[in-house]
N, C-alpha and C. Protein backbone atom coordinates (compact mmCIF):
# COMPACT_ATOMS: atom_id res chain seq x y z
N MET A 1 -1.22 -25.55 -87.35
CA MET A 1 -0.85 -24.16 -87.54
C MET A 1 -1.76 -23.25 -86.72
N LYS A 2 -3.07 -23.58 -86.76
CA LYS A 2 -4.03 -22.76 -86.02
C LYS A 2 -3.76 -22.87 -84.52
N THR A 3 -3.42 -24.05 -84.05
CA THR A 3 -3.12 -24.27 -82.63
C THR A 3 -1.91 -23.45 -82.22
N GLN A 4 -0.93 -23.38 -83.10
CA GLN A 4 0.28 -22.61 -82.80
C GLN A 4 -0.06 -21.13 -82.68
N ARG A 5 -0.93 -20.61 -83.55
CA ARG A 5 -1.32 -19.19 -83.47
C ARG A 5 -2.11 -18.91 -82.19
N VAL A 6 -2.97 -19.84 -81.82
CA VAL A 6 -3.75 -19.67 -80.59
C VAL A 6 -2.81 -19.65 -79.39
N ALA A 7 -1.84 -20.55 -79.37
CA ALA A 7 -0.88 -20.62 -78.27
C ALA A 7 -0.05 -19.34 -78.20
N THR A 8 0.36 -18.84 -79.35
CA THR A 8 1.15 -17.59 -79.38
C THR A 8 0.30 -16.43 -78.88
N ALA A 9 -0.94 -16.36 -79.31
CA ALA A 9 -1.82 -15.28 -78.87
C ALA A 9 -2.06 -15.39 -77.36
N TRP A 10 -2.24 -16.62 -76.89
CA TRP A 10 -2.47 -16.82 -75.45
C TRP A 10 -1.26 -16.35 -74.64
N ARG A 11 -0.02 -16.69 -75.11
CA ARG A 11 1.20 -16.26 -74.43
C ARG A 11 1.32 -14.75 -74.42
N LYS A 12 1.01 -14.11 -75.54
CA LYS A 12 1.08 -12.65 -75.61
C LYS A 12 0.08 -12.02 -74.66
N GLY A 13 -1.13 -12.58 -74.63
CA GLY A 13 -2.16 -12.06 -73.72
C GLY A 13 -1.75 -12.24 -72.27
N ARG A 14 -1.19 -13.40 -71.95
CA ARG A 14 -0.74 -13.66 -70.57
C ARG A 14 0.40 -12.72 -70.20
N THR A 15 1.34 -12.51 -71.11
CA THR A 15 2.46 -11.60 -70.84
C THR A 15 1.94 -10.18 -70.61
N ALA A 16 0.99 -9.76 -71.42
CA ALA A 16 0.42 -8.41 -71.25
C ALA A 16 -0.31 -8.31 -69.91
N MET A 17 -1.02 -9.36 -69.52
CA MET A 17 -1.74 -9.35 -68.26
C MET A 17 -0.76 -9.29 -67.08
N LEU A 18 0.31 -10.08 -67.13
CA LEU A 18 1.32 -10.06 -66.08
C LEU A 18 2.01 -8.71 -66.00
N ALA A 19 2.30 -8.13 -67.15
CA ALA A 19 2.93 -6.80 -67.17
C ALA A 19 1.99 -5.77 -66.55
N SER A 20 0.71 -5.88 -66.85
CA SER A 20 -0.28 -4.96 -66.30
C SER A 20 -0.35 -5.10 -64.78
N LYS A 21 -0.35 -6.34 -64.28
CA LYS A 21 -0.40 -6.57 -62.83
C LYS A 21 0.87 -6.05 -62.16
N ALA A 22 2.02 -6.27 -62.78
CA ALA A 22 3.28 -5.79 -62.22
C ALA A 22 3.28 -4.27 -62.15
N LEU A 23 2.76 -3.62 -63.18
CA LEU A 23 2.69 -2.16 -63.20
C LEU A 23 1.76 -1.66 -62.10
N ALA A 24 0.62 -2.32 -61.92
CA ALA A 24 -0.33 -1.93 -60.87
C ALA A 24 0.30 -2.13 -59.49
N LEU A 25 1.01 -3.23 -59.29
CA LEU A 25 1.66 -3.49 -58.01
C LEU A 25 2.74 -2.45 -57.73
N THR A 26 3.52 -2.10 -58.75
CA THR A 26 4.55 -1.07 -58.59
C THR A 26 3.92 0.27 -58.21
N ALA A 27 2.82 0.61 -58.84
CA ALA A 27 2.14 1.87 -58.52
C ALA A 27 1.63 1.85 -57.09
N LEU A 28 1.07 0.72 -56.65
CA LEU A 28 0.56 0.60 -55.29
C LEU A 28 1.68 0.75 -54.27
N VAL A 29 2.79 0.05 -54.48
CA VAL A 29 3.93 0.13 -53.57
C VAL A 29 4.47 1.55 -53.52
N SER A 30 4.58 2.19 -54.66
CA SER A 30 5.10 3.56 -54.71
C SER A 30 4.19 4.51 -53.94
N SER A 31 2.88 4.36 -54.11
CA SER A 31 1.96 5.26 -53.42
C SER A 31 1.99 5.03 -51.91
N LEU A 32 2.16 3.76 -51.49
CA LEU A 32 2.27 3.49 -50.07
C LEU A 32 3.56 4.06 -49.49
N ALA A 33 4.63 3.97 -50.25
CA ALA A 33 5.91 4.52 -49.78
C ALA A 33 5.82 6.03 -49.63
N VAL A 34 5.19 6.69 -50.58
CA VAL A 34 5.04 8.15 -50.51
C VAL A 34 4.12 8.51 -49.35
N ALA A 35 3.04 7.75 -49.16
CA ALA A 35 2.10 8.03 -48.08
C ALA A 35 2.77 7.87 -46.73
N GLY A 36 3.70 6.95 -46.63
CA GLY A 36 4.39 6.72 -45.36
C GLY A 36 5.35 7.83 -44.99
N CYS A 37 5.66 8.72 -45.92
CA CYS A 37 6.62 9.79 -45.64
C CYS A 37 5.99 10.93 -44.85
N GLY A 38 4.68 11.04 -44.87
CA GLY A 38 4.02 12.15 -44.18
C GLY A 38 3.87 11.87 -42.70
N THR A 39 3.46 12.90 -41.97
CA THR A 39 3.25 12.73 -40.54
C THR A 39 1.78 12.61 -40.20
N ALA A 40 0.88 12.84 -41.16
CA ALA A 40 -0.55 12.74 -40.90
C ALA A 40 -0.96 11.28 -40.83
N ASP A 41 -2.13 11.04 -40.19
CA ASP A 41 -2.67 9.69 -40.09
C ASP A 41 -3.21 9.29 -41.46
N THR A 42 -2.52 8.37 -42.13
CA THR A 42 -2.91 7.96 -43.48
C THR A 42 -3.57 6.58 -43.46
N SER A 43 -3.98 6.11 -42.28
CA SER A 43 -4.61 4.80 -42.23
C SER A 43 -5.99 4.87 -42.85
N LEU A 44 -6.51 3.73 -43.24
CA LEU A 44 -7.82 3.68 -43.85
C LEU A 44 -8.92 4.04 -42.86
N PHE A 45 -8.70 3.73 -41.59
CA PHE A 45 -9.68 4.02 -40.54
C PHE A 45 -8.99 4.82 -39.45
N PRO A 46 -8.91 6.17 -39.59
CA PRO A 46 -8.23 6.99 -38.59
C PRO A 46 -8.82 6.76 -37.20
N GLY A 47 -7.94 6.67 -36.23
CA GLY A 47 -8.35 6.50 -34.85
C GLY A 47 -8.65 5.06 -34.46
N ALA A 48 -8.66 4.16 -35.42
CA ALA A 48 -8.94 2.76 -35.10
C ALA A 48 -7.72 2.11 -34.48
N ALA A 49 -7.96 1.10 -33.65
CA ALA A 49 -6.85 0.39 -33.03
C ALA A 49 -6.09 -0.39 -34.10
N ALA A 50 -4.80 -0.53 -33.88
CA ALA A 50 -3.98 -1.28 -34.84
C ALA A 50 -4.44 -2.73 -34.84
N PRO A 51 -4.56 -3.34 -36.01
CA PRO A 51 -5.01 -4.73 -36.07
C PRO A 51 -3.96 -5.67 -35.52
N THR A 52 -4.40 -6.80 -35.05
CA THR A 52 -3.50 -7.82 -34.54
C THR A 52 -2.92 -8.59 -35.72
N ILE A 53 -1.65 -8.86 -35.68
CA ILE A 53 -1.00 -9.64 -36.72
C ILE A 53 -1.32 -11.10 -36.49
N ALA A 54 -1.76 -11.77 -37.53
CA ALA A 54 -2.10 -13.19 -37.42
C ALA A 54 -0.89 -13.96 -36.94
N GLY A 55 -1.10 -14.84 -36.01
CA GLY A 55 0.00 -15.66 -35.51
C GLY A 55 0.76 -14.99 -34.37
N ALA A 56 0.38 -13.74 -34.00
CA ALA A 56 1.07 -13.08 -32.90
C ALA A 56 0.74 -13.81 -31.61
N ASP A 57 1.69 -13.88 -30.71
CA ASP A 57 1.52 -14.60 -29.47
C ASP A 57 0.77 -13.73 -28.47
N PRO A 58 -0.50 -14.06 -28.13
CA PRO A 58 -1.24 -13.23 -27.20
C PRO A 58 -0.63 -13.24 -25.81
N LEU A 59 0.13 -14.30 -25.47
CA LEU A 59 0.76 -14.34 -24.15
C LEU A 59 1.86 -13.31 -24.03
N ALA A 60 2.55 -13.00 -25.14
CA ALA A 60 3.62 -12.00 -25.09
C ALA A 60 3.05 -10.65 -24.72
N ALA A 61 1.81 -10.37 -25.13
CA ALA A 61 1.20 -9.10 -24.79
C ALA A 61 0.91 -9.02 -23.30
N THR A 62 0.73 -10.17 -22.62
CA THR A 62 0.48 -10.17 -21.19
C THR A 62 1.66 -9.54 -20.45
N ALA A 63 2.88 -9.82 -20.91
CA ALA A 63 4.06 -9.22 -20.27
C ALA A 63 4.03 -7.72 -20.41
N GLN A 64 3.58 -7.23 -21.56
CA GLN A 64 3.54 -5.79 -21.78
C GLN A 64 2.44 -5.14 -20.95
N GLN A 65 1.38 -5.88 -20.59
CA GLN A 65 0.30 -5.33 -19.80
C GLN A 65 0.61 -5.38 -18.31
N SER A 66 1.61 -6.13 -17.89
CA SER A 66 1.90 -6.34 -16.48
C SER A 66 2.86 -5.30 -15.96
N LYS A 67 2.33 -4.31 -15.29
CA LYS A 67 3.19 -3.28 -14.69
C LYS A 67 3.81 -3.87 -13.43
N VAL A 68 5.09 -3.65 -13.26
CA VAL A 68 5.84 -4.22 -12.14
C VAL A 68 6.40 -3.09 -11.30
N ALA A 69 6.25 -3.20 -9.98
CA ALA A 69 6.87 -2.25 -9.05
C ALA A 69 8.16 -2.87 -8.54
N ILE A 70 9.13 -2.04 -8.24
CA ILE A 70 10.39 -2.52 -7.68
C ILE A 70 10.52 -1.95 -6.27
N ALA A 71 10.45 -2.83 -5.28
CA ALA A 71 10.58 -2.41 -3.88
C ALA A 71 12.05 -2.09 -3.60
N PRO A 72 12.30 -1.28 -2.56
CA PRO A 72 13.70 -1.01 -2.21
C PRO A 72 14.47 -2.32 -1.96
N VAL A 73 15.68 -2.37 -2.48
CA VAL A 73 16.52 -3.57 -2.36
C VAL A 73 17.04 -3.67 -0.93
N ILE A 74 16.96 -4.86 -0.37
CA ILE A 74 17.39 -5.10 1.01
C ILE A 74 18.75 -5.79 1.02
N GLY A 75 19.60 -5.39 1.96
CA GLY A 75 20.87 -6.06 2.17
C GLY A 75 22.07 -5.32 1.61
N ALA A 76 21.86 -4.47 0.63
CA ALA A 76 22.97 -3.75 -0.01
C ALA A 76 23.06 -2.33 0.54
N PRO A 77 24.26 -1.74 0.49
CA PRO A 77 24.38 -0.33 0.86
C PRO A 77 23.49 0.53 -0.03
N GLU A 78 23.11 1.69 0.45
CA GLU A 78 22.13 2.53 -0.25
C GLU A 78 22.52 2.84 -1.70
N ALA A 79 23.78 3.16 -1.95
CA ALA A 79 24.21 3.49 -3.32
C ALA A 79 24.08 2.28 -4.24
N VAL A 80 24.46 1.09 -3.75
CA VAL A 80 24.36 -0.13 -4.54
C VAL A 80 22.90 -0.47 -4.78
N ALA A 81 22.08 -0.34 -3.75
CA ALA A 81 20.65 -0.64 -3.87
C ALA A 81 19.99 0.27 -4.91
N LYS A 82 20.35 1.55 -4.87
CA LYS A 82 19.79 2.51 -5.83
C LYS A 82 20.23 2.15 -7.26
N ASP A 83 21.49 1.75 -7.42
CA ASP A 83 21.99 1.35 -8.74
C ASP A 83 21.24 0.10 -9.24
N PHE A 84 20.95 -0.84 -8.33
CA PHE A 84 20.16 -2.01 -8.70
C PHE A 84 18.78 -1.59 -9.22
N GLN A 85 18.13 -0.68 -8.50
CA GLN A 85 16.80 -0.24 -8.92
C GLN A 85 16.85 0.43 -10.30
N ASN A 86 17.84 1.29 -10.50
CA ASN A 86 17.96 2.00 -11.78
C ASN A 86 18.25 1.03 -12.94
N GLN A 87 19.22 0.14 -12.74
CA GLN A 87 19.59 -0.78 -13.82
C GLN A 87 18.50 -1.82 -14.09
N LEU A 88 17.80 -2.26 -13.04
CA LEU A 88 16.72 -3.21 -13.25
C LEU A 88 15.55 -2.54 -13.98
N THR A 89 15.26 -1.30 -13.63
CA THR A 89 14.22 -0.54 -14.33
C THR A 89 14.55 -0.44 -15.82
N ALA A 90 15.80 -0.13 -16.14
CA ALA A 90 16.22 -0.01 -17.55
C ALA A 90 16.14 -1.37 -18.25
N ALA A 91 16.56 -2.44 -17.58
CA ALA A 91 16.54 -3.78 -18.19
C ALA A 91 15.10 -4.23 -18.46
N LEU A 92 14.18 -3.93 -17.55
CA LEU A 92 12.78 -4.27 -17.76
C LEU A 92 12.21 -3.45 -18.92
N GLY A 93 12.57 -2.18 -18.98
CA GLY A 93 12.11 -1.32 -20.07
C GLY A 93 12.55 -1.83 -21.43
N ARG A 94 13.77 -2.34 -21.52
CA ARG A 94 14.25 -2.89 -22.79
C ARG A 94 13.44 -4.11 -23.22
N ARG A 95 12.79 -4.74 -22.26
CA ARG A 95 11.94 -5.90 -22.57
C ARG A 95 10.46 -5.51 -22.62
N GLN A 96 10.20 -4.21 -22.67
CA GLN A 96 8.85 -3.67 -22.80
C GLN A 96 7.96 -4.02 -21.62
N ILE A 97 8.55 -4.13 -20.44
CA ILE A 97 7.78 -4.36 -19.22
C ILE A 97 7.70 -3.03 -18.49
N ALA A 98 6.47 -2.55 -18.27
CA ALA A 98 6.27 -1.25 -17.61
C ALA A 98 6.64 -1.36 -16.13
N VAL A 99 7.29 -0.30 -15.63
CA VAL A 99 7.68 -0.26 -14.23
C VAL A 99 6.87 0.84 -13.56
N ALA A 100 6.23 0.49 -12.45
CA ALA A 100 5.41 1.44 -11.71
C ALA A 100 6.30 2.47 -11.03
N GLY A 101 5.72 3.61 -10.72
CA GLY A 101 6.45 4.66 -10.01
C GLY A 101 6.75 4.25 -8.58
N ALA A 102 7.33 5.17 -7.83
CA ALA A 102 7.74 4.88 -6.46
C ALA A 102 6.58 4.45 -5.57
N ASP A 103 5.36 4.94 -5.87
CA ASP A 103 4.21 4.56 -5.04
C ASP A 103 3.66 3.19 -5.40
N GLY A 104 4.12 2.62 -6.54
CA GLY A 104 3.68 1.29 -6.96
C GLY A 104 2.27 1.24 -7.51
N ALA A 105 1.67 2.40 -7.77
CA ALA A 105 0.28 2.44 -8.26
C ALA A 105 0.14 1.69 -9.58
N GLY A 106 -0.88 0.87 -9.65
CA GLY A 106 -1.20 0.14 -10.88
C GLY A 106 -0.34 -1.08 -11.12
N ALA A 107 0.53 -1.43 -10.18
CA ALA A 107 1.41 -2.59 -10.39
C ALA A 107 0.65 -3.88 -10.21
N ARG A 108 0.89 -4.81 -11.12
CA ARG A 108 0.30 -6.14 -11.00
C ARG A 108 1.18 -7.04 -10.14
N PHE A 109 2.50 -6.78 -10.18
CA PHE A 109 3.45 -7.55 -9.37
C PHE A 109 4.47 -6.59 -8.77
N THR A 110 5.11 -7.03 -7.69
CA THR A 110 6.19 -6.27 -7.06
C THR A 110 7.41 -7.16 -6.95
N LEU A 111 8.57 -6.62 -7.34
CA LEU A 111 9.85 -7.32 -7.17
C LEU A 111 10.46 -6.87 -5.85
N ARG A 112 10.76 -7.82 -4.99
CA ARG A 112 11.39 -7.52 -3.70
C ARG A 112 12.75 -8.20 -3.69
N GLY A 113 13.81 -7.40 -3.74
CA GLY A 113 15.15 -7.94 -3.88
C GLY A 113 15.93 -8.01 -2.59
N TYR A 114 16.69 -9.09 -2.46
CA TYR A 114 17.59 -9.30 -1.33
C TYR A 114 18.96 -9.62 -1.92
N ILE A 115 19.95 -8.81 -1.59
CA ILE A 115 21.29 -8.96 -2.16
C ILE A 115 22.30 -9.18 -1.04
N VAL A 116 23.21 -10.14 -1.26
CA VAL A 116 24.27 -10.42 -0.28
C VAL A 116 25.59 -10.46 -1.04
N SER A 117 26.60 -9.82 -0.48
CA SER A 117 27.94 -9.84 -1.07
C SER A 117 28.91 -10.41 -0.03
N ALA A 118 29.66 -11.45 -0.42
CA ALA A 118 30.57 -12.09 0.53
C ALA A 118 31.92 -12.33 -0.12
N ALA A 119 32.98 -11.96 0.62
CA ALA A 119 34.34 -12.18 0.13
C ALA A 119 34.69 -13.66 0.26
N GLU A 120 35.29 -14.20 -0.80
CA GLU A 120 35.75 -15.59 -0.80
C GLU A 120 37.19 -15.61 -1.28
N LYS A 121 37.82 -16.77 -1.26
CA LYS A 121 39.22 -16.87 -1.67
C LYS A 121 39.42 -16.48 -3.13
N THR A 122 38.47 -16.85 -3.98
CA THR A 122 38.63 -16.61 -5.42
C THR A 122 38.04 -15.28 -5.89
N GLY A 123 37.39 -14.56 -5.02
CA GLY A 123 36.76 -13.30 -5.41
C GLY A 123 35.62 -12.97 -4.48
N THR A 124 34.67 -12.22 -4.98
CA THR A 124 33.51 -11.83 -4.21
C THR A 124 32.27 -12.44 -4.84
N LYS A 125 31.48 -13.14 -4.03
CA LYS A 125 30.25 -13.75 -4.53
C LYS A 125 29.08 -12.84 -4.18
N VAL A 126 28.31 -12.49 -5.21
CA VAL A 126 27.13 -11.66 -5.01
C VAL A 126 25.92 -12.55 -5.29
N SER A 127 25.16 -12.82 -4.25
CA SER A 127 23.97 -13.67 -4.36
C SER A 127 22.74 -12.77 -4.34
N TYR A 128 21.73 -13.16 -5.12
CA TYR A 128 20.50 -12.35 -5.15
C TYR A 128 19.27 -13.24 -5.16
N ILE A 129 18.23 -12.72 -4.55
CA ILE A 129 16.91 -13.34 -4.55
C ILE A 129 15.92 -12.23 -4.85
N TRP A 130 15.07 -12.45 -5.84
CA TRP A 130 13.98 -11.52 -6.15
C TRP A 130 12.69 -12.29 -5.94
N ASP A 131 11.91 -11.87 -4.96
CA ASP A 131 10.58 -12.44 -4.78
C ASP A 131 9.61 -11.60 -5.59
N VAL A 132 8.79 -12.28 -6.39
CA VAL A 132 7.74 -11.60 -7.15
C VAL A 132 6.46 -11.82 -6.36
N THR A 133 5.83 -10.72 -5.93
CA THR A 133 4.62 -10.82 -5.13
C THR A 133 3.44 -10.20 -5.86
N ASP A 134 2.25 -10.68 -5.51
CA ASP A 134 1.03 -10.13 -6.08
C ASP A 134 0.58 -8.93 -5.24
N PRO A 135 -0.50 -8.25 -5.61
CA PRO A 135 -0.94 -7.08 -4.85
C PRO A 135 -1.25 -7.37 -3.38
N ALA A 136 -1.60 -8.62 -3.05
CA ALA A 136 -1.88 -8.98 -1.67
C ALA A 136 -0.60 -9.27 -0.88
N GLY A 137 0.55 -9.29 -1.56
CA GLY A 137 1.83 -9.54 -0.90
C GLY A 137 2.25 -10.99 -0.91
N ALA A 138 1.46 -11.86 -1.53
CA ALA A 138 1.82 -13.28 -1.58
C ALA A 138 2.87 -13.52 -2.66
N ARG A 139 3.87 -14.34 -2.35
CA ARG A 139 4.91 -14.65 -3.34
C ARG A 139 4.34 -15.57 -4.40
N VAL A 140 4.54 -15.17 -5.67
CA VAL A 140 4.05 -15.97 -6.79
C VAL A 140 5.20 -16.51 -7.64
N ASN A 141 6.40 -16.02 -7.41
CA ASN A 141 7.57 -16.51 -8.14
C ASN A 141 8.82 -16.07 -7.38
N ARG A 142 9.92 -16.76 -7.63
CA ARG A 142 11.20 -16.39 -7.03
C ARG A 142 12.28 -16.54 -8.08
N ILE A 143 13.13 -15.51 -8.18
CA ILE A 143 14.26 -15.51 -9.11
C ILE A 143 15.53 -15.46 -8.27
N THR A 144 16.43 -16.42 -8.47
CA THR A 144 17.66 -16.44 -7.68
C THR A 144 18.87 -16.64 -8.58
N GLY A 145 20.01 -16.29 -8.05
CA GLY A 145 21.25 -16.51 -8.79
C GLY A 145 22.42 -15.90 -8.06
N GLU A 146 23.57 -15.98 -8.69
CA GLU A 146 24.77 -15.35 -8.11
C GLU A 146 25.76 -15.01 -9.21
N GLU A 147 26.54 -14.03 -8.92
CA GLU A 147 27.63 -13.59 -9.80
C GLU A 147 28.90 -13.57 -8.97
N THR A 148 30.02 -13.83 -9.62
CA THR A 148 31.30 -13.74 -8.93
C THR A 148 32.08 -12.58 -9.52
N ALA A 149 32.56 -11.73 -8.63
CA ALA A 149 33.35 -10.56 -9.04
C ALA A 149 34.77 -10.74 -8.53
N PRO A 150 35.74 -10.17 -9.23
CA PRO A 150 37.10 -10.22 -8.70
C PRO A 150 37.14 -9.52 -7.34
N ALA A 151 37.99 -10.01 -6.47
CA ALA A 151 38.10 -9.41 -5.14
C ALA A 151 38.52 -7.95 -5.27
N GLY A 152 37.90 -7.10 -4.52
CA GLY A 152 38.25 -5.68 -4.53
C GLY A 152 39.49 -5.41 -3.70
N ALA A 153 40.04 -4.23 -3.85
CA ALA A 153 41.22 -3.86 -3.06
C ALA A 153 40.86 -3.69 -1.60
N SER A 154 39.62 -3.35 -1.36
CA SER A 154 39.15 -3.13 0.00
C SER A 154 38.71 -4.46 0.62
N ARG A 155 38.65 -4.51 1.92
CA ARG A 155 38.15 -5.70 2.59
C ARG A 155 36.64 -5.73 2.57
N ASP A 156 36.01 -4.62 2.21
CA ASP A 156 34.56 -4.54 2.12
C ASP A 156 34.10 -5.26 0.85
N PRO A 157 33.32 -6.35 0.96
CA PRO A 157 32.90 -7.09 -0.24
C PRO A 157 32.02 -6.27 -1.18
N TRP A 158 31.38 -5.22 -0.67
CA TRP A 158 30.54 -4.38 -1.54
C TRP A 158 31.36 -3.54 -2.50
N SER A 159 32.64 -3.35 -2.20
CA SER A 159 33.48 -2.55 -3.11
C SER A 159 33.70 -3.27 -4.44
N ALA A 160 33.52 -4.59 -4.46
CA ALA A 160 33.70 -5.38 -5.69
C ALA A 160 32.43 -5.41 -6.54
N VAL A 161 31.33 -4.91 -6.00
CA VAL A 161 30.06 -4.93 -6.72
C VAL A 161 30.02 -3.70 -7.63
N THR A 162 30.52 -3.90 -8.84
CA THR A 162 30.64 -2.82 -9.81
C THR A 162 29.34 -2.65 -10.60
N PRO A 163 29.21 -1.54 -11.32
CA PRO A 163 28.03 -1.38 -12.18
C PRO A 163 27.89 -2.51 -13.19
N GLN A 164 29.00 -3.12 -13.63
CA GLN A 164 28.92 -4.22 -14.58
C GLN A 164 28.29 -5.46 -13.93
N ILE A 165 28.63 -5.73 -12.68
CA ILE A 165 28.02 -6.86 -11.95
C ILE A 165 26.53 -6.60 -11.75
N ILE A 166 26.19 -5.37 -11.37
CA ILE A 166 24.78 -5.00 -11.17
C ILE A 166 24.02 -5.12 -12.48
N ALA A 167 24.64 -4.70 -13.58
CA ALA A 167 23.98 -4.80 -14.89
C ALA A 167 23.75 -6.26 -15.27
N ALA A 168 24.72 -7.13 -15.01
CA ALA A 168 24.58 -8.55 -15.34
C ALA A 168 23.43 -9.17 -14.55
N ILE A 169 23.35 -8.86 -13.26
CA ILE A 169 22.27 -9.39 -12.43
C ILE A 169 20.93 -8.83 -12.90
N SER A 170 20.89 -7.55 -13.22
CA SER A 170 19.65 -6.92 -13.67
C SER A 170 19.16 -7.52 -14.97
N GLU A 171 20.07 -7.77 -15.91
CA GLU A 171 19.69 -8.35 -17.20
C GLU A 171 19.15 -9.77 -17.02
N LYS A 172 19.81 -10.57 -16.19
CA LYS A 172 19.35 -11.93 -15.95
C LYS A 172 17.97 -11.93 -15.27
N THR A 173 17.80 -11.04 -14.30
CA THR A 173 16.52 -10.95 -13.60
C THR A 173 15.41 -10.53 -14.55
N ALA A 174 15.67 -9.50 -15.36
CA ALA A 174 14.66 -9.02 -16.31
C ALA A 174 14.34 -10.09 -17.34
N GLY A 175 15.35 -10.82 -17.80
CA GLY A 175 15.12 -11.88 -18.77
C GLY A 175 14.25 -12.99 -18.21
N THR A 176 14.53 -13.39 -16.97
CA THR A 176 13.73 -14.43 -16.33
C THR A 176 12.29 -13.96 -16.12
N LEU A 177 12.13 -12.71 -15.67
CA LEU A 177 10.80 -12.16 -15.46
C LEU A 177 10.03 -12.07 -16.78
N ALA A 178 10.71 -11.64 -17.84
CA ALA A 178 10.06 -11.53 -19.15
C ALA A 178 9.62 -12.88 -19.69
N THR A 179 10.32 -13.94 -19.32
CA THR A 179 9.92 -15.29 -19.73
C THR A 179 8.74 -15.78 -18.90
N TRP A 180 8.71 -15.41 -17.63
CA TRP A 180 7.67 -15.88 -16.72
C TRP A 180 6.35 -15.13 -16.89
N LEU A 181 6.40 -13.83 -17.08
CA LEU A 181 5.17 -13.03 -17.14
C LEU A 181 4.13 -13.54 -18.14
N PRO A 182 4.52 -13.92 -19.35
CA PRO A 182 3.50 -14.40 -20.30
C PRO A 182 2.79 -15.67 -19.86
N THR A 183 3.33 -16.38 -18.87
CA THR A 183 2.66 -17.59 -18.41
C THR A 183 1.52 -17.27 -17.44
N GLN A 184 1.42 -16.01 -17.04
CA GLN A 184 0.38 -15.61 -16.11
C GLN A 184 -0.86 -15.17 -16.87
N ALA A 185 -2.02 -15.55 -16.39
CA ALA A 185 -3.27 -15.16 -17.04
C ALA A 185 -3.40 -13.64 -17.00
N ALA A 186 -3.97 -13.08 -18.05
CA ALA A 186 -4.18 -11.63 -18.10
C ALA A 186 -5.09 -11.24 -16.94
N PRO A 187 -4.79 -10.11 -16.28
CA PRO A 187 -5.63 -9.68 -15.17
C PRO A 187 -7.03 -9.34 -15.63
N ALA A 188 -8.00 -9.55 -14.76
CA ALA A 188 -9.39 -9.23 -15.11
C ALA A 188 -9.50 -7.74 -15.39
N GLY A 189 -10.26 -7.41 -16.43
CA GLY A 189 -10.47 -6.01 -16.77
C GLY A 189 -9.37 -5.41 -17.60
N SER A 190 -8.37 -6.23 -18.02
CA SER A 190 -7.31 -5.67 -18.86
C SER A 190 -7.87 -5.46 -20.26
N PRO A 191 -7.33 -4.48 -21.00
CA PRO A 191 -7.86 -4.20 -22.32
C PRO A 191 -7.65 -5.36 -23.26
N ALA A 192 -8.54 -5.47 -24.22
CA ALA A 192 -8.44 -6.56 -25.21
C ALA A 192 -7.18 -6.39 -26.03
N ILE A 193 -6.59 -7.52 -26.40
CA ILE A 193 -5.36 -7.50 -27.18
C ILE A 193 -5.66 -7.20 -28.64
N ALA A 194 -6.68 -7.87 -29.17
CA ALA A 194 -6.96 -7.73 -30.60
C ALA A 194 -7.55 -6.37 -30.90
N GLY A 195 -7.21 -5.85 -32.05
CA GLY A 195 -7.74 -4.56 -32.47
C GLY A 195 -8.41 -4.71 -33.82
N GLY A 196 -8.99 -3.56 -34.29
CA GLY A 196 -9.55 -3.45 -35.61
C GLY A 196 -10.53 -4.51 -35.88
């Protein structure tokens, strides 16, 4: 009988303790949610760098630190070349890869594109080569591929190179570059990845 009373008292005490912890956790979550609604810096250490999440891939941060310049595209008419530069810049941005300005200042790598469009029996083949060069101009990687577009009404094969074809090439190029960049060692003097 005494054992049964002790067990009952223990269960009641444990239930009360769990209820107390649940109430404290609810209060903590509520206060954090309310604190997150403001625009002021509510961190415990204002101005401190954001801490690194355990298990985060430090190589992925290398891609974000690698600013890339895009050289003028060779082989395509000026309007097509400009569209390639614009769409490739946007595709790289979506992958969080910084693109250097027209002067290329601060770029760790430069993309040098060569585009060829040729009419074939089944359509128009658009072939591309992107050489990735280092600041000294040495090639460190090459990205190649081709897309096939339906034949245009014109005999000019560039008329078949639509914004959709340019977007497809730009997305593939940016995806390949985003996969390759993390394999490169972080440049000397780059800021530390870990914070806090």
